[in-house]
Amino acid sequence: MRIPARKSHVSTSRLAGGLSWGHLSVIQSRKIKPTLSKRFEQPMHQPLTRYQGFSLIELLITVAIIGILAAIAIPMYSDYVTRSRRADGQAKLMQVAQDLERCYTQYSAYNHASCSVLASGAVMAEQGFYKITASALTISSFELEAAPQSAQTDDTDCETLTLTHLGKQSATGTDPASCW
């Protein structure tokens, strides 16, 4: 059924394309059924014309980036582990020195028979990477050495850590300044 066009009092001059204002009011007054666009009528996933996946170049670039990151990260991590093990040896050296100072305070001698700090001759650090020995232990002085054990023997920067009764810290190796 057609809906009759309303007459409006708008001028009847011609619009572009040969339409008059009267035609415009007729078009606007009709009920138009909404239609779905063709976009919704097509299947959601259409087959791609290009293959999915990675090209050889993309894969090689990714492998190269991972290789560069690994070349930087692994030595830095190894150095960090070595320094943390060294800190364990330093802490044990300080603990043994403190125990010897306590013996000196009680018995007025570092090597008194009742002082059992180094009775067995050597003390191992908690993690087992350093062995603490007294290279010189007298009544009035001591010199402690921490020698690396097991995996810590790869530490060429600080091969042996040394601590005296005066608190003098020293080390042997390729970079002794960075040891303490």
Protein backbone atom coordinates (compact mmCIF):
# COMPACT_ATOMS: atom_id res chain seq x y z
CA MET A 1 0.00 0.00 0.00
CA ARG A 2 1.29 3.37 -0.88
CA ILE A 3 1.29 6.20 1.52
CA PRO A 4 0.12 9.39 -0.10
CA ALA A 5 2.65 12.16 -0.14
CA ARG A 6 2.02 15.17 2.00
CA LYS A 7 1.87 18.47 0.41
CA SER A 8 4.13 20.98 1.96
CA HIS A 9 4.30 24.66 1.46
CA VAL A 10 7.99 24.47 0.51
CA SER A 11 8.90 25.97 -2.80
CA THR A 12 8.81 23.63 -5.75
CA SER A 13 12.06 24.70 -7.26
CA ARG A 14 14.13 21.93 -8.70
CA LEU A 15 16.89 20.15 -6.75
CA ALA A 16 19.99 18.58 -8.19
CA GLY A 17 19.25 15.45 -10.23
CA GLY A 18 15.87 16.68 -11.41
CA LEU A 19 14.03 16.10 -8.13
CA SER A 20 11.69 18.67 -6.74
CA TRP A 21 11.10 19.46 -3.07
CA GLY A 22 7.83 17.62 -3.37
CA HIS A 23 9.59 14.37 -4.21
CA LEU A 24 11.80 14.81 -1.17
CA SER A 25 8.85 15.02 1.19
CA VAL A 26 7.31 11.88 -0.39
CA ILE A 27 10.53 9.93 0.11
CA GLN A 28 10.79 11.06 3.73
CA SER A 29 7.20 10.17 4.61
CA ARG A 30 7.30 6.55 3.44
CA LYS A 31 8.18 3.82 5.85
CA ILE A 32 11.44 2.19 4.83
CA LYS A 33 12.28 -1.27 6.07
CA PRO A 34 15.73 -1.48 7.59
CA THR A 35 17.93 -4.02 5.87
CA LEU A 36 21.11 -5.58 7.09
CA SER A 37 24.18 -4.62 5.21
CA LYS A 38 25.85 -7.25 3.09
CA ARG A 39 28.72 -7.31 5.54
CA PHE A 40 26.60 -9.30 8.01
CA GLU A 41 25.30 -11.71 5.40
CA GLN A 42 28.79 -13.00 4.54
CA PRO A 43 30.53 -15.62 6.69
CA MET A 44 32.65 -14.21 9.49
CA HIS A 45 35.85 -16.06 8.65
CA GLN A 46 36.67 -16.08 5.00
CA PRO A 47 39.64 -18.11 3.85
CA LEU A 48 42.78 -16.04 3.50
CA THR A 49 44.53 -15.96 0.20
CA ARG A 50 47.92 -15.79 2.00
CA TYR A 51 49.29 -18.60 4.15
CA GLN A 52 49.45 -18.02 7.90
CA GLY A 53 52.69 -18.52 9.85
CA PHE A 54 56.19 -17.14 10.06
CA SER A 55 58.59 -16.66 7.22
CA LEU A 56 62.15 -17.88 7.43
CA ILE A 57 63.45 -14.32 7.67
CA GLU A 58 61.18 -13.53 10.63
CA LEU A 59 62.31 -16.71 12.37
CA LEU A 60 66.01 -15.95 11.78
CA ILE A 61 65.63 -12.40 13.10
CA THR A 62 63.95 -13.74 16.25
CA VAL A 63 66.71 -16.30 16.78
CA ALA A 64 69.37 -13.61 16.28
CA ILE A 65 67.72 -11.31 18.84
CA ILE A 66 67.45 -14.13 21.36
CA GLY A 67 71.12 -15.00 20.74
CA ILE A 68 72.23 -11.40 21.34
CA LEU A 69 70.20 -11.17 24.54
CA ALA A 70 71.61 -14.49 25.76
CA ALA A 71 75.17 -13.39 24.95
CA ILE A 72 74.65 -10.36 27.19
CA ALA A 73 72.53 -11.91 29.95
CA ILE A 74 74.40 -15.15 30.69
CA PRO A 75 77.79 -13.55 31.54
CA MET A 76 76.06 -10.89 33.62
CA TYR A 77 74.13 -13.54 35.53
CA SER A 78 77.28 -15.64 36.06
CA ASP A 79 79.10 -12.58 37.39
CA TYR A 80 76.19 -11.84 39.74
CA VAL A 81 76.24 -15.40 41.09
CA THR A 82 80.01 -15.24 41.62
CA ARG A 83 79.74 -11.94 43.51
CA SER A 84 76.92 -13.25 45.72
CA ARG A 85 78.99 -16.33 46.61
CA ARG A 86 81.91 -14.04 47.38
CA ALA A 87 79.68 -12.10 49.77
CA ASP A 88 79.00 -15.36 51.62
CA GLY A 89 82.75 -15.89 52.06
CA GLN A 90 83.22 -12.31 53.24
CA ALA A 91 80.41 -12.66 55.78
CA LYS A 92 81.91 -15.87 57.17
CA LEU A 93 85.34 -14.21 57.40
CA MET A 94 83.83 -11.35 59.40
CA GLN A 95 81.98 -13.79 61.66
CA VAL A 96 85.13 -15.81 62.43
CA ALA A 97 87.07 -12.57 63.05
CA GLN A 98 84.35 -11.42 65.45
CA ASP A 99 84.50 -14.76 67.29
CA LEU A 100 88.29 -14.42 67.58
CA GLU A 101 87.89 -10.88 68.94
CA ARG A 102 85.48 -12.26 71.53
CA CYS A 103 88.13 -14.83 72.53
CA TYR A 104 90.72 -12.08 72.82
CA THR A 105 88.35 -10.07 75.03
CA GLN A 106 87.71 -13.05 77.33
CA TYR A 107 91.16 -14.71 77.41
CA SER A 108 93.52 -11.88 76.27
CA ALA A 109 94.79 -14.13 73.49
CA TYR A 110 93.55 -15.06 70.02
CA ASN A 111 95.00 -18.57 70.25
CA HIS A 112 93.89 -19.52 73.77
CA ALA A 113 93.08 -23.22 74.30
CA SER A 114 89.53 -22.43 75.47
CA CYS A 115 88.78 -20.56 72.26
CA SER A 116 87.26 -23.13 69.92
CA VAL A 117 86.63 -20.94 66.88
CA LEU A 118 89.27 -22.60 64.71
CA ALA A 119 89.75 -25.75 66.81
CA SER A 120 89.26 -28.03 63.80
CA GLY A 121 91.68 -25.96 61.72
CA ALA A 122 89.13 -24.72 59.15
CA VAL A 123 85.58 -23.42 59.02
CA MET A 124 83.33 -23.73 55.98
CA ALA A 125 81.07 -20.89 54.89
CA GLU A 126 77.31 -21.52 55.13
CA GLN A 127 76.88 -22.22 51.42
CA GLY A 128 80.10 -24.21 51.21
CA PHE A 129 81.86 -22.05 48.61
CA TYR A 130 84.67 -20.82 50.91
CA LYS A 131 86.93 -22.50 53.44
CA ILE A 132 88.17 -20.18 56.22
CA THR A 133 91.59 -20.91 57.74
CA ALA A 134 93.97 -18.99 60.00
CA SER A 135 97.27 -18.50 58.20
CA ALA A 136 98.76 -16.75 61.24
CA LEU A 137 97.25 -17.13 64.71
CA THR A 138 99.26 -15.79 67.65
CA ILE A 139 98.51 -14.37 71.07
CA SER A 140 98.15 -10.82 69.78
CA SER A 141 97.33 -11.15 66.06
CA PHE A 142 95.58 -13.27 63.46
CA GLU A 143 95.29 -13.45 59.72
CA LEU A 144 92.32 -15.26 58.22
CA GLU A 145 92.11 -16.52 54.66
CA ALA A 146 89.04 -17.58 52.70
CA ALA A 147 89.91 -19.98 49.90
CA PRO A 148 87.26 -20.69 47.25
CA GLN A 149 85.83 -24.21 47.04
CA SER A 150 83.90 -26.17 44.35
CA ALA A 151 82.16 -23.90 41.81
CA GLN A 152 83.68 -20.72 43.27
CA THR A 153 87.18 -21.74 42.11
CA ASP A 154 86.25 -20.19 38.73
CA ASP A 155 86.39 -16.73 40.38
CA THR A 156 89.68 -15.45 38.99
CA ASP A 157 89.05 -11.85 40.11
CA CYS A 158 89.27 -12.78 43.79
CA GLU A 159 91.08 -16.04 44.37
CA THR A 160 91.72 -15.70 48.12
CA LEU A 161 90.17 -13.22 50.56
CA THR A 162 92.24 -12.14 53.57
CA LEU A 163 91.32 -10.37 56.83
CA THR A 164 93.68 -9.41 59.68
CA HIS A 165 93.17 -8.53 63.36
CA LEU A 166 93.53 -4.85 62.40
CA GLY A 167 90.58 -5.13 60.00
CA LYS A 168 92.79 -4.94 56.92
CA GLN A 169 91.02 -6.55 54.00
CA SER A 170 92.97 -7.81 51.00
CA ALA A 171 92.67 -10.34 48.22
CA THR A 172 94.65 -12.10 45.53
CA GLY A 173 93.52 -12.43 41.94
CA THR A 174 93.25 -10.41 38.76
CA ASP A 175 91.06 -7.65 40.27
CA PRO A 176 91.62 -7.51 44.04
CA ALA A 177 90.24 -3.95 44.31
CA SER A 178 86.72 -5.19 43.52
CA CYS A 179 86.79 -8.07 46.03
CA TRP A 180 85.81 -6.14 49.13
